[in-house]
Amino acid sequence: MPCRLCSEAVAPLASEPPLDGYERCESCGYVQLRRELLPTPEAERARYLLHRNDPAEPGYRAWLGAFMDAFEPYLRAGVEILDFGSGPVPALGSVAAERGYGYAPYDPFFAPDGDWRSRAWEAIAVHEVAEHLAEPAAAFAELAAALAPGGVLALRTRYQPEGLEGFASWRYRQDSTHVGFFSSDCLGRAMNRLGLIRLYDDGREIAIYRREGSRA
C-alpha cells in the first residue's frame, strides 16, 4: 500500500511486535499504521469521549497557551480561527476568546457542520489532530484550499523519536487513535506541495505555515 501522505512506496517498519503493524514511507519518512489496523469510526468516537480536556485545569490551560503563543504572532487582531478537529470539548476556543480572537469549531464527530468549507479562512488550527488522520494528504489538501491567500495554518503533533527503540517505547504511539506520525521534514514537504510555506517550527511539535499570496 502507498504512503497516505505522499503516495510513494512504504516498507514494514519492523517484523516483530510492537512495531509490526506500522509502515514507513521510503520517500518522505512518514510512519503509518497499516490500513487494516485503523480504528473504526465508532472506536474513534468512544476513545475521544474518554479525553479529559478541561480548559479550567491549569496545566492543560498552560499547554494550550503555549500553542497560542506560537500562533499569535502570525494572526491579525480579532481574526476568527477555525479549530479543525475540535473534539468533544472545544477547549482551544476559551483560550482564543480570552485573547480576543473569534472561534469556529469543526469536528466530524462532535461539531460536524461542514459550512466551514464554503469560506476562506485567515487562520486554521490543527491542534493534536494530524496524528489521528487516516488520510492526511486529503485532509491537508482540503485545509490548504480553505486558507485565504496569506492565511496561516498552525499544527501541533509530536514528531517521531529517532530509532526503533525510541518509537517502540513512545507513549504517543500507544494511543489507539494515533495512526500516523510525522517528522518536521516530512510535514514541511507535504505542506510545500500544497503551496504553504513554513514560518515557524519548534522542532518538537508545533509548526506554522502560510498560504502563498497577500491578504486582501
N, C-alpha and C. Protein backbone atom coordinates (compact mmCIF):
# COMPACT_ATOMS: atom_id res chain seq x y z
N MET A 1 0.84 -1.19 0.00
CA MET A 1 0.00 0.00 0.00
C MET A 1 0.88 1.25 0.00
N PRO A 2 0.43 2.34 -0.64
CA PRO A 2 1.26 3.55 -0.69
C PRO A 2 1.19 4.35 0.60
N CYS A 3 2.10 5.30 0.69
CA CYS A 3 2.11 6.25 1.79
C CYS A 3 0.85 7.10 1.72
N ARG A 4 0.20 7.28 2.84
CA ARG A 4 -1.04 8.07 2.85
C ARG A 4 -0.75 9.57 2.95
N LEU A 5 0.53 9.93 3.00
CA LEU A 5 0.90 11.34 2.99
C LEU A 5 1.41 11.79 1.63
N CYS A 6 2.24 10.96 0.97
CA CYS A 6 2.84 11.39 -0.30
C CYS A 6 2.60 10.42 -1.45
N SER A 7 1.98 9.27 -1.19
CA SER A 7 1.61 8.27 -2.21
C SER A 7 2.78 7.46 -2.74
N GLU A 8 3.95 7.58 -2.15
CA GLU A 8 5.09 6.77 -2.57
C GLU A 8 5.07 5.42 -1.85
N ALA A 9 6.06 4.58 -2.15
CA ALA A 9 6.10 3.22 -1.61
C ALA A 9 6.44 3.23 -0.12
N VAL A 10 5.87 2.27 0.59
CA VAL A 10 6.18 2.09 2.00
C VAL A 10 6.80 0.71 2.21
N ALA A 11 7.46 0.56 3.36
CA ALA A 11 8.05 -0.72 3.74
C ALA A 11 7.69 -0.99 5.20
N PRO A 12 7.62 -2.27 5.61
CA PRO A 12 7.34 -2.56 7.02
C PRO A 12 8.37 -1.88 7.92
N LEU A 13 7.88 -1.30 9.01
CA LEU A 13 8.78 -0.65 9.95
C LEU A 13 9.61 -1.69 10.69
N ALA A 14 8.99 -2.81 11.06
CA ALA A 14 9.66 -3.89 11.79
C ALA A 14 8.86 -5.16 11.59
N SER A 15 9.47 -6.29 11.87
CA SER A 15 8.80 -7.58 11.67
C SER A 15 8.25 -8.17 12.96
N GLU A 16 8.59 -7.55 14.11
CA GLU A 16 8.17 -8.10 15.40
C GLU A 16 7.34 -7.08 16.15
N PRO A 17 6.43 -7.57 17.02
CA PRO A 17 5.68 -6.65 17.89
C PRO A 17 6.65 -5.85 18.78
N PRO A 18 6.30 -4.61 19.13
CA PRO A 18 5.00 -3.96 18.90
C PRO A 18 4.95 -3.12 17.64
N LEU A 19 5.96 -3.22 16.77
CA LEU A 19 6.05 -2.32 15.62
C LEU A 19 5.68 -2.97 14.29
N ASP A 20 5.24 -4.23 14.33
CA ASP A 20 4.94 -4.92 13.07
C ASP A 20 3.67 -4.41 12.40
N GLY A 21 2.91 -3.57 13.08
CA GLY A 21 1.70 -3.02 12.47
C GLY A 21 1.94 -1.71 11.74
N TYR A 22 3.19 -1.27 11.64
CA TYR A 22 3.49 0.04 11.05
C TYR A 22 4.28 -0.08 9.76
N GLU A 23 4.13 0.96 8.94
CA GLU A 23 4.89 1.09 7.70
C GLU A 23 5.56 2.46 7.66
N ARG A 24 6.75 2.50 7.09
CA ARG A 24 7.45 3.77 6.91
C ARG A 24 7.58 4.08 5.42
N CYS A 25 7.29 5.31 5.06
CA CYS A 25 7.45 5.72 3.67
C CYS A 25 8.93 5.80 3.32
N GLU A 26 9.28 5.20 2.20
CA GLU A 26 10.68 5.19 1.79
C GLU A 26 11.10 6.52 1.19
N SER A 27 10.13 7.38 0.89
CA SER A 27 10.44 8.68 0.30
C SER A 27 10.39 9.80 1.33
N CYS A 28 9.28 9.95 2.04
CA CYS A 28 9.13 11.12 2.93
C CYS A 28 9.38 10.81 4.40
N GLY A 29 9.37 9.53 4.79
CA GLY A 29 9.65 9.17 6.18
C GLY A 29 8.44 9.12 7.09
N TYR A 30 7.25 9.39 6.55
CA TYR A 30 6.02 9.29 7.35
C TYR A 30 5.82 7.85 7.81
N VAL A 31 5.39 7.67 9.05
CA VAL A 31 5.11 6.34 9.60
C VAL A 31 3.61 6.21 9.80
N GLN A 32 3.03 5.15 9.24
CA GLN A 32 1.58 4.97 9.31
C GLN A 32 1.22 3.58 9.82
N LEU A 33 0.10 3.53 10.52
CA LEU A 33 -0.47 2.25 10.92
C LEU A 33 -1.04 1.58 9.67
N ARG A 34 -0.85 0.27 9.55
CA ARG A 34 -1.38 -0.43 8.39
C ARG A 34 -2.88 -0.22 8.28
N ARG A 35 -3.37 -0.11 7.06
CA ARG A 35 -4.76 0.26 6.84
C ARG A 35 -5.73 -0.71 7.53
N GLU A 36 -5.43 -1.98 7.52
CA GLU A 36 -6.36 -2.95 8.11
C GLU A 36 -6.44 -2.84 9.62
N LEU A 37 -5.51 -2.09 10.24
CA LEU A 37 -5.50 -1.91 11.68
C LEU A 37 -6.10 -0.59 12.14
N LEU A 38 -6.52 0.24 11.19
CA LEU A 38 -7.10 1.54 11.56
C LEU A 38 -8.36 1.33 12.39
N PRO A 39 -8.57 2.16 13.41
CA PRO A 39 -9.78 2.03 14.22
C PRO A 39 -11.03 2.38 13.43
N THR A 40 -12.14 1.79 13.79
CA THR A 40 -13.42 2.14 13.16
C THR A 40 -13.85 3.52 13.67
N PRO A 41 -14.73 4.20 12.95
CA PRO A 41 -15.25 5.47 13.46
C PRO A 41 -15.89 5.33 14.84
N GLU A 42 -16.56 4.23 15.09
CA GLU A 42 -17.19 4.00 16.39
C GLU A 42 -16.14 3.91 17.49
N ALA A 43 -15.06 3.21 17.21
CA ALA A 43 -13.98 3.09 18.20
C ALA A 43 -13.29 4.43 18.43
N GLU A 44 -13.11 5.19 17.33
CA GLU A 44 -12.52 6.51 17.48
C GLU A 44 -13.36 7.39 18.40
N ARG A 45 -14.64 7.48 18.12
CA ARG A 45 -15.51 8.35 18.90
C ARG A 45 -15.51 7.95 20.38
N ALA A 46 -15.57 6.65 20.64
CA ALA A 46 -15.57 6.18 22.03
C ALA A 46 -14.27 6.57 22.73
N ARG A 47 -13.16 6.49 22.03
CA ARG A 47 -11.87 6.87 22.63
C ARG A 47 -11.82 8.37 22.91
N TYR A 48 -12.33 9.18 22.00
CA TYR A 48 -12.29 10.63 22.20
C TYR A 48 -13.15 11.05 23.38
N LEU A 49 -14.22 10.33 23.62
CA LEU A 49 -15.09 10.66 24.75
C LEU A 49 -14.41 10.42 26.10
N LEU A 50 -13.32 9.66 26.09
CA LEU A 50 -12.56 9.42 27.32
C LEU A 50 -11.58 10.54 27.63
N HIS A 51 -11.32 11.42 26.64
CA HIS A 51 -10.39 12.52 26.86
C HIS A 51 -10.92 13.45 27.95
N ARG A 52 -10.04 13.94 28.76
CA ARG A 52 -10.40 14.88 29.82
C ARG A 52 -9.68 16.20 29.56
N ASN A 53 -10.17 16.91 28.57
CA ASN A 53 -9.54 18.15 28.15
C ASN A 53 -10.27 19.33 28.79
N ASP A 54 -9.96 19.59 30.04
CA ASP A 54 -10.65 20.62 30.80
C ASP A 54 -9.88 21.93 30.70
N PRO A 55 -10.44 22.95 30.02
CA PRO A 55 -9.71 24.20 29.88
C PRO A 55 -9.49 24.94 31.20
N ALA A 56 -10.19 24.52 32.25
CA ALA A 56 -10.00 25.15 33.56
C ALA A 56 -8.82 24.55 34.32
N GLU A 57 -8.31 23.41 33.88
CA GLU A 57 -7.18 22.76 34.56
C GLU A 57 -5.90 23.53 34.23
N PRO A 58 -5.17 24.02 35.24
CA PRO A 58 -4.05 24.93 34.96
C PRO A 58 -2.98 24.36 34.02
N GLY A 59 -2.61 23.10 34.21
CA GLY A 59 -1.57 22.53 33.35
C GLY A 59 -2.02 22.44 31.91
N TYR A 60 -3.25 21.99 31.69
CA TYR A 60 -3.78 21.88 30.33
C TYR A 60 -3.92 23.26 29.70
N ARG A 61 -4.37 24.22 30.51
CA ARG A 61 -4.54 25.58 30.01
C ARG A 61 -3.19 26.17 29.59
N ALA A 62 -2.16 25.92 30.36
CA ALA A 62 -0.83 26.41 30.01
C ALA A 62 -0.34 25.77 28.71
N TRP A 63 -0.65 24.50 28.53
CA TRP A 63 -0.24 23.79 27.31
C TRP A 63 -0.94 24.39 26.09
N LEU A 64 -2.24 24.68 26.20
CA LEU A 64 -2.96 25.35 25.11
C LEU A 64 -2.39 26.75 24.89
N GLY A 65 -2.06 27.42 25.99
CA GLY A 65 -1.49 28.76 25.88
C GLY A 65 -0.18 28.78 25.12
N ALA A 66 0.64 27.74 25.29
CA ALA A 66 1.91 27.67 24.58
C ALA A 66 1.68 27.57 23.07
N PHE A 67 0.64 26.84 22.69
CA PHE A 67 0.30 26.75 21.27
C PHE A 67 -0.14 28.11 20.75
N MET A 68 -0.99 28.80 21.48
CA MET A 68 -1.45 30.13 21.06
C MET A 68 -0.29 31.13 21.06
N ASP A 69 0.66 30.98 21.97
CA ASP A 69 1.82 31.86 21.99
C ASP A 69 2.60 31.75 20.67
N ALA A 70 2.71 30.53 20.14
CA ALA A 70 3.41 30.32 18.87
C ALA A 70 2.60 30.83 17.69
N PHE A 71 1.29 30.67 17.75
CA PHE A 71 0.38 31.01 16.66
C PHE A 71 0.18 32.53 16.57
N GLU A 72 0.05 33.18 17.71
CA GLU A 72 -0.43 34.56 17.78
C GLU A 72 0.41 35.58 17.00
N PRO A 73 1.74 35.46 16.94
CA PRO A 73 2.50 36.46 16.19
C PRO A 73 2.14 36.55 14.71
N TYR A 74 1.48 35.53 14.18
CA TYR A 74 1.15 35.49 12.76
C TYR A 74 -0.32 35.79 12.49
N LEU A 75 -1.07 36.18 13.53
CA LEU A 75 -2.51 36.40 13.41
C LEU A 75 -2.84 37.89 13.40
N ARG A 76 -3.81 38.23 12.57
CA ARG A 76 -4.37 39.58 12.61
C ARG A 76 -5.28 39.70 13.83
N ALA A 77 -5.27 40.84 14.47
CA ALA A 77 -6.06 41.05 15.68
C ALA A 77 -7.54 40.75 15.41
N GLY A 78 -8.13 39.93 16.30
CA GLY A 78 -9.55 39.64 16.24
C GLY A 78 -9.99 38.66 15.18
N VAL A 79 -9.06 38.07 14.46
CA VAL A 79 -9.42 37.15 13.38
C VAL A 79 -10.15 35.92 13.94
N GLU A 80 -11.01 35.31 13.14
CA GLU A 80 -11.69 34.09 13.55
C GLU A 80 -10.84 32.88 13.19
N ILE A 81 -10.65 32.00 14.14
CA ILE A 81 -9.83 30.80 13.96
C ILE A 81 -10.74 29.59 13.77
N LEU A 82 -10.51 28.84 12.70
CA LEU A 82 -11.17 27.55 12.54
C LEU A 82 -10.37 26.51 13.30
N ASP A 83 -11.01 25.83 14.24
CA ASP A 83 -10.38 24.76 15.01
C ASP A 83 -10.80 23.44 14.37
N PHE A 84 -9.94 22.91 13.52
CA PHE A 84 -10.23 21.69 12.76
C PHE A 84 -9.93 20.47 13.63
N GLY A 85 -10.98 19.71 13.97
CA GLY A 85 -10.83 18.59 14.87
C GLY A 85 -10.90 19.04 16.31
N SER A 86 -11.93 19.81 16.63
CA SER A 86 -12.03 20.48 17.94
C SER A 86 -12.31 19.53 19.09
N GLY A 87 -12.82 18.32 18.80
CA GLY A 87 -13.04 17.33 19.85
C GLY A 87 -14.34 17.56 20.62
N PRO A 88 -14.61 16.71 21.61
CA PRO A 88 -15.86 16.81 22.36
C PRO A 88 -15.95 18.06 23.23
N VAL A 89 -14.80 18.61 23.64
CA VAL A 89 -14.77 19.85 24.42
C VAL A 89 -13.84 20.82 23.67
N PRO A 90 -14.38 21.84 23.03
CA PRO A 90 -13.54 22.76 22.24
C PRO A 90 -12.73 23.68 23.13
N ALA A 91 -11.76 23.11 23.82
CA ALA A 91 -11.02 23.85 24.85
C ALA A 91 -10.19 24.99 24.28
N LEU A 92 -9.69 24.83 23.06
CA LEU A 92 -8.87 25.88 22.48
C LEU A 92 -9.66 27.17 22.32
N GLY A 93 -10.98 27.03 22.15
CA GLY A 93 -11.82 28.20 21.95
C GLY A 93 -11.80 29.16 23.12
N SER A 94 -11.78 28.64 24.34
CA SER A 94 -11.80 29.53 25.50
C SER A 94 -10.50 30.32 25.59
N VAL A 95 -9.38 29.69 25.26
CA VAL A 95 -8.09 30.39 25.29
C VAL A 95 -8.03 31.43 24.18
N ALA A 96 -8.50 31.06 22.99
CA ALA A 96 -8.51 32.02 21.88
C ALA A 96 -9.41 33.21 22.18
N ALA A 97 -10.58 32.95 22.75
CA ALA A 97 -11.53 34.03 23.06
C ALA A 97 -10.94 35.01 24.07
N GLU A 98 -10.23 34.50 25.07
CA GLU A 98 -9.61 35.37 26.07
C GLU A 98 -8.59 36.31 25.46
N ARG A 99 -8.03 35.91 24.33
CA ARG A 99 -7.03 36.74 23.65
C ARG A 99 -7.66 37.61 22.56
N GLY A 100 -8.98 37.57 22.47
CA GLY A 100 -9.67 38.47 21.55
C GLY A 100 -9.92 37.92 20.17
N TYR A 101 -9.79 36.60 19.98
CA TYR A 101 -9.99 36.01 18.67
C TYR A 101 -11.37 35.35 18.57
N GLY A 102 -11.94 35.38 17.38
CA GLY A 102 -13.14 34.61 17.12
C GLY A 102 -12.79 33.14 17.03
N TYR A 103 -13.79 32.30 17.09
CA TYR A 103 -13.53 30.86 17.15
C TYR A 103 -14.66 30.10 16.49
N ALA A 104 -14.31 29.15 15.63
CA ALA A 104 -15.29 28.30 14.96
C ALA A 104 -14.82 26.85 15.05
N PRO A 105 -15.52 25.99 15.80
CA PRO A 105 -15.11 24.59 15.91
C PRO A 105 -15.63 23.75 14.74
N TYR A 106 -14.82 22.77 14.36
CA TYR A 106 -15.29 21.73 13.45
C TYR A 106 -14.73 20.39 13.93
N ASP A 107 -15.59 19.40 13.98
CA ASP A 107 -15.16 18.04 14.32
C ASP A 107 -16.14 17.08 13.66
N PRO A 108 -15.67 16.06 12.96
CA PRO A 108 -16.59 15.15 12.27
C PRO A 108 -17.53 14.40 13.19
N PHE A 109 -17.15 14.26 14.48
CA PHE A 109 -17.99 13.55 15.44
C PHE A 109 -18.82 14.49 16.31
N PHE A 110 -18.24 15.62 16.70
CA PHE A 110 -18.84 16.44 17.76
C PHE A 110 -19.30 17.83 17.32
N ALA A 111 -18.84 18.30 16.18
CA ALA A 111 -19.27 19.59 15.63
C ALA A 111 -19.21 19.47 14.11
N PRO A 112 -20.10 18.65 13.53
CA PRO A 112 -19.93 18.22 12.14
C PRO A 112 -20.45 19.17 11.07
N ASP A 113 -20.78 20.38 11.40
CA ASP A 113 -21.25 21.32 10.39
C ASP A 113 -20.16 21.58 9.36
N GLY A 114 -20.43 21.24 8.12
CA GLY A 114 -19.43 21.37 7.07
C GLY A 114 -19.40 22.71 6.38
N ASP A 115 -20.10 23.71 6.92
CA ASP A 115 -20.15 25.02 6.27
C ASP A 115 -18.78 25.70 6.22
N TRP A 116 -17.85 25.26 7.05
CA TRP A 116 -16.52 25.88 7.03
C TRP A 116 -15.87 25.77 5.65
N ARG A 117 -16.28 24.77 4.88
CA ARG A 117 -15.67 24.56 3.56
C ARG A 117 -16.06 25.65 2.56
N SER A 118 -17.11 26.39 2.85
CA SER A 118 -17.57 27.43 1.92
C SER A 118 -16.92 28.78 2.19
N ARG A 119 -16.01 28.85 3.14
CA ARG A 119 -15.35 30.09 3.50
C ARG A 119 -13.86 30.04 3.20
N ALA A 120 -13.27 31.21 3.09
CA ALA A 120 -11.81 31.33 3.02
C ALA A 120 -11.34 31.84 4.37
N TRP A 121 -10.48 31.07 5.03
CA TRP A 121 -10.08 31.35 6.41
C TRP A 121 -8.72 32.01 6.46
N GLU A 122 -8.60 32.99 7.34
CA GLU A 122 -7.29 33.59 7.59
C GLU A 122 -6.46 32.77 8.57
N ALA A 123 -7.12 31.95 9.39
CA ALA A 123 -6.41 31.22 10.43
C ALA A 123 -7.09 29.88 10.69
N ILE A 124 -6.30 28.80 10.65
CA ILE A 124 -6.80 27.46 10.93
C ILE A 124 -5.86 26.80 11.93
N ALA A 125 -6.43 26.21 12.97
CA ALA A 125 -5.66 25.45 13.97
C ALA A 125 -5.94 23.97 13.78
N VAL A 126 -4.88 23.17 13.77
CA VAL A 126 -4.98 21.71 13.70
C VAL A 126 -4.22 21.20 14.92
N HIS A 127 -4.90 21.23 16.06
CA HIS A 127 -4.23 21.03 17.35
C HIS A 127 -4.42 19.59 17.83
N GLU A 128 -3.32 18.83 17.83
CA GLU A 128 -3.37 17.43 18.24
C GLU A 128 -4.42 16.65 17.44
N VAL A 129 -4.37 16.83 16.13
CA VAL A 129 -5.33 16.20 15.21
C VAL A 129 -4.62 15.42 14.11
N ALA A 130 -3.49 15.92 13.61
CA ALA A 130 -2.85 15.32 12.44
C ALA A 130 -2.52 13.85 12.65
N GLU A 131 -2.16 13.48 13.87
CA GLU A 131 -1.81 12.07 14.15
C GLU A 131 -3.02 11.14 14.10
N HIS A 132 -4.22 11.72 14.11
CA HIS A 132 -5.46 10.92 14.05
C HIS A 132 -5.94 10.72 12.61
N LEU A 133 -5.36 11.42 11.65
CA LEU A 133 -5.91 11.43 10.30
C LEU A 133 -5.57 10.16 9.54
N ALA A 134 -6.59 9.42 9.15
CA ALA A 134 -6.36 8.21 8.35
C ALA A 134 -5.91 8.56 6.94
N GLU A 135 -6.31 9.72 6.45
CA GLU A 135 -5.94 10.17 5.10
C GLU A 135 -5.37 11.59 5.21
N PRO A 136 -4.14 11.71 5.68
CA PRO A 136 -3.60 13.06 5.93
C PRO A 136 -3.45 13.89 4.67
N ALA A 137 -3.07 13.28 3.55
CA ALA A 137 -2.89 14.06 2.32
C ALA A 137 -4.19 14.73 1.91
N ALA A 138 -5.29 13.99 1.95
CA ALA A 138 -6.58 14.55 1.57
C ALA A 138 -7.01 15.64 2.53
N ALA A 139 -6.82 15.42 3.83
CA ALA A 139 -7.22 16.42 4.82
C ALA A 139 -6.39 17.69 4.67
N PHE A 140 -5.08 17.56 4.49
CA PHE A 140 -4.23 18.73 4.35
C PHE A 140 -4.57 19.51 3.08
N ALA A 141 -4.87 18.79 2.00
CA ALA A 141 -5.24 19.46 0.76
C ALA A 141 -6.52 20.27 0.95
N GLU A 142 -7.48 19.71 1.67
CA GLU A 142 -8.73 20.42 1.93
C GLU A 142 -8.48 21.66 2.78
N LEU A 143 -7.64 21.53 3.78
CA LEU A 143 -7.33 22.68 4.64
C LEU A 143 -6.58 23.76 3.88
N ALA A 144 -5.62 23.37 3.07
CA ALA A 144 -4.87 24.35 2.28
C ALA A 144 -5.80 25.11 1.34
N ALA A 145 -6.76 24.40 0.74
CA ALA A 145 -7.71 25.04 -0.16
C ALA A 145 -8.63 26.00 0.57
N ALA A 146 -8.86 25.75 1.88
CA ALA A 146 -9.74 26.60 2.67
C ALA A 146 -9.04 27.85 3.19
N LEU A 147 -7.71 27.92 3.07
CA LEU A 147 -6.99 29.10 3.52
C LEU A 147 -7.09 30.22 2.50
N ALA A 148 -7.36 31.42 2.97
CA ALA A 148 -7.29 32.59 2.12
C ALA A 148 -5.82 32.86 1.77
N PRO A 149 -5.54 33.54 0.66
CA PRO A 149 -4.16 33.94 0.39
C PRO A 149 -3.58 34.69 1.59
N GLY A 150 -2.40 34.29 2.00
CA GLY A 150 -1.79 34.86 3.18
C GLY A 150 -2.28 34.27 4.49
N GLY A 151 -3.26 33.35 4.41
CA GLY A 151 -3.79 32.72 5.61
C GLY A 151 -2.78 31.80 6.26
N VAL A 152 -2.98 31.55 7.57
CA VAL A 152 -2.00 30.83 8.38
C VAL A 152 -2.61 29.56 8.96
N LEU A 153 -1.85 28.48 8.86
CA LEU A 153 -2.24 27.17 9.40
C LEU A 153 -1.25 26.79 10.48
N ALA A 154 -1.75 26.51 11.69
CA ALA A 154 -0.90 26.10 12.81
C ALA A 154 -1.22 24.68 13.19
N LEU A 155 -0.20 23.84 13.32
CA LEU A 155 -0.37 22.44 13.68
C LEU A 155 0.42 22.12 14.93
N ARG A 156 -0.17 21.22 15.72
CA ARG A 156 0.57 20.62 16.83
C ARG A 156 0.41 19.11 16.73
N THR A 157 1.51 18.42 16.56
CA THR A 157 1.55 16.96 16.57
C THR A 157 2.97 16.57 16.92
N ARG A 158 3.18 15.65 17.80
CA ARG A 158 4.54 15.36 18.26
C ARG A 158 5.32 14.61 17.19
N TYR A 159 6.53 15.09 16.95
CA TYR A 159 7.36 14.49 15.92
C TYR A 159 7.94 13.16 16.39
N GLN A 160 8.17 12.29 15.43
CA GLN A 160 8.70 10.95 15.70
C GLN A 160 10.02 11.02 16.47
N PRO A 161 10.21 10.14 17.43
CA PRO A 161 11.54 9.99 18.02
C PRO A 161 12.45 9.24 17.04
N GLU A 162 13.73 9.34 17.24
CA GLU A 162 14.67 8.64 16.37
C GLU A 162 14.84 7.20 16.84
N GLY A 163 14.97 6.28 15.87
CA GLY A 163 15.29 4.90 16.17
C GLY A 163 14.08 4.06 16.54
N LEU A 164 14.16 2.77 16.24
CA LEU A 164 13.05 1.86 16.51
C LEU A 164 12.79 1.71 18.01
N GLU A 165 13.84 1.70 18.80
CA GLU A 165 13.65 1.53 20.24
C GLU A 165 12.87 2.70 20.82
N GLY A 166 13.24 3.91 20.39
CA GLY A 166 12.53 5.08 20.87
C GLY A 166 11.08 5.09 20.42
N PHE A 167 10.83 4.66 19.19
CA PHE A 167 9.46 4.63 18.68
C PHE A 167 8.65 3.56 19.42
N ALA A 168 9.24 2.43 19.69
CA ALA A 168 8.53 1.34 20.37
C ALA A 168 8.06 1.75 21.76
N SER A 169 8.87 2.52 22.48
CA SER A 169 8.54 2.89 23.86
C SER A 169 7.79 4.22 23.95
N TRP A 170 7.55 4.85 22.85
CA TRP A 170 6.94 6.19 22.80
C TRP A 170 5.47 6.10 23.20
N ARG A 171 5.10 6.78 24.25
CA ARG A 171 3.71 6.73 24.73
C ARG A 171 2.73 7.31 23.71
N TYR A 172 3.16 8.30 22.97
CA TYR A 172 2.30 8.94 21.98
C TYR A 172 1.82 7.93 20.94
N ARG A 173 2.67 7.00 20.59
CA ARG A 173 2.32 5.97 19.62
C ARG A 173 1.23 5.04 20.15
N GLN A 174 1.13 4.90 21.45
CA GLN A 174 0.31 3.85 22.04
C GLN A 174 -1.17 4.20 22.15
N ASP A 175 -1.55 5.43 21.84
CA ASP A 175 -2.97 5.78 21.76
C ASP A 175 -3.54 5.08 20.52
N SER A 176 -4.63 4.36 20.68
CA SER A 176 -5.19 3.55 19.59
C SER A 176 -5.69 4.39 18.42
N THR A 177 -5.92 5.70 18.65
CA THR A 177 -6.40 6.55 17.57
C THR A 177 -5.28 7.37 16.92
N HIS A 178 -4.05 7.19 17.37
CA HIS A 178 -2.91 7.84 16.73
C HIS A 178 -2.40 6.90 15.63
N VAL A 179 -2.64 7.28 14.39
CA VAL A 179 -2.42 6.34 13.28
C VAL A 179 -1.36 6.80 12.28
N GLY A 180 -0.78 7.98 12.49
CA GLY A 180 0.25 8.45 11.58
C GLY A 180 1.17 9.44 12.28
N PHE A 181 2.46 9.37 11.95
CA PHE A 181 3.46 10.12 12.71
C PHE A 181 4.42 10.81 11.75
N PHE A 182 4.70 12.07 12.05
CA PHE A 182 5.45 12.94 11.17
C PHE A 182 6.82 13.27 11.76
N SER A 183 7.71 13.64 10.89
CA SER A 183 8.90 14.39 11.29
C SER A 183 8.68 15.82 10.82
N SER A 184 9.51 16.73 11.32
CA SER A 184 9.43 18.11 10.85
C SER A 184 9.62 18.18 9.34
N ASP A 185 10.55 17.37 8.83
CA ASP A 185 10.88 17.41 7.41
C ASP A 185 9.72 16.89 6.56
N CYS A 186 9.13 15.76 6.93
CA CYS A 186 8.08 15.21 6.05
C CYS A 186 6.83 16.08 6.11
N LEU A 187 6.54 16.68 7.26
CA LEU A 187 5.41 17.59 7.35
C LEU A 187 5.66 18.82 6.49
N GLY A 188 6.85 19.37 6.58
CA GLY A 188 7.18 20.54 5.78
C GLY A 188 7.07 20.30 4.30
N ARG A 189 7.55 19.14 3.84
CA ARG A 189 7.47 18.84 2.42
C ARG A 189 6.03 18.65 1.96
N ALA A 190 5.21 18.03 2.81
CA ALA A 190 3.79 17.87 2.47
C ALA A 190 3.11 19.22 2.32
N MET A 191 3.41 20.15 3.20
CA MET A 191 2.81 21.47 3.13
C MET A 191 3.34 22.26 1.93
N ASN A 192 4.61 22.12 1.63
CA ASN A 192 5.18 22.81 0.47
C ASN A 192 4.50 22.38 -0.82
N ARG A 193 4.17 21.10 -0.93
CA ARG A 193 3.49 20.63 -2.14
C ARG A 193 2.12 21.28 -2.32
N LEU A 194 1.56 21.76 -1.22
CA LEU A 194 0.23 22.40 -1.25
C LEU A 194 0.32 23.92 -1.34
N GLY A 195 1.53 24.44 -1.54
CA GLY A 195 1.70 25.88 -1.66
C GLY A 195 1.78 26.61 -0.35
N LEU A 196 2.10 25.90 0.73
CA LEU A 196 2.24 26.53 2.04
C LEU A 196 3.72 26.63 2.40
N ILE A 197 4.09 27.78 2.93
CA ILE A 197 5.49 28.00 3.31
C ILE A 197 5.60 28.02 4.84
N ARG A 198 6.68 27.46 5.34
CA ARG A 198 6.84 27.36 6.78
C ARG A 198 7.34 28.69 7.36
N LEU A 199 6.65 29.13 8.40
CA LEU A 199 7.02 30.34 9.12
C LEU A 199 7.75 30.03 10.41
N TYR A 200 7.43 28.86 11.01
CA TYR A 200 7.93 28.55 12.34
C TYR A 200 7.85 27.05 12.55
N ASP A 201 8.83 26.52 13.25
CA ASP A 201 8.82 25.11 13.67
C ASP A 201 9.68 25.00 14.91
N ASP A 202 9.10 24.48 15.99
CA ASP A 202 9.87 24.40 17.24
C ASP A 202 10.72 23.14 17.32
N GLY A 203 10.66 22.28 16.28
CA GLY A 203 11.48 21.08 16.26
C GLY A 203 10.94 19.95 17.11
N ARG A 204 9.80 20.14 17.76
CA ARG A 204 9.25 19.12 18.65
C ARG A 204 7.81 18.75 18.28
N GLU A 205 6.94 19.83 18.11
CA GLU A 205 5.53 19.51 17.92
C GLU A 205 4.69 20.62 17.31
N ILE A 206 5.18 21.84 17.23
CA ILE A 206 4.38 22.95 16.72
C ILE A 206 5.03 23.51 15.46
N ALA A 207 4.21 23.67 14.42
CA ALA A 207 4.68 24.27 13.17
C ALA A 207 3.60 25.21 12.64
N ILE A 208 4.03 26.31 12.02
CA ILE A 208 3.13 27.31 11.47
C ILE A 208 3.45 27.47 9.99
N TYR A 209 2.41 27.46 9.16
CA TYR A 209 2.55 27.59 7.71
C TYR A 209 1.63 28.68 7.19
N ARG A 210 2.03 29.31 6.09
CA ARG A 210 1.22 30.34 5.46
C ARG A 210 0.98 30.00 4.00
N ARG A 211 -0.25 30.22 3.56
CA ARG A 211 -0.55 30.06 2.13
C ARG A 211 0.06 31.23 1.37
N GLU A 212 0.67 30.92 0.25
CA GLU A 212 1.30 31.97 -0.56
C GLU A 212 0.25 32.97 -1.02
N GLY A 213 0.67 34.21 -1.21
CA GLY A 213 -0.22 35.29 -1.62
C GLY A 213 -0.35 36.32 -0.52
N SER A 214 -1.01 37.41 -0.84
CA SER A 214 -1.18 38.51 0.10
C SER A 214 -2.61 38.55 0.61
N ARG A 215 -2.76 38.97 1.85
CA ARG A 215 -4.09 39.14 2.40
C ARG A 215 -4.80 40.28 1.71
N ALA A 216 -6.11 40.13 1.59
CA ALA A 216 -6.92 41.20 0.96
C ALA A 216 -6.90 42.44 1.85
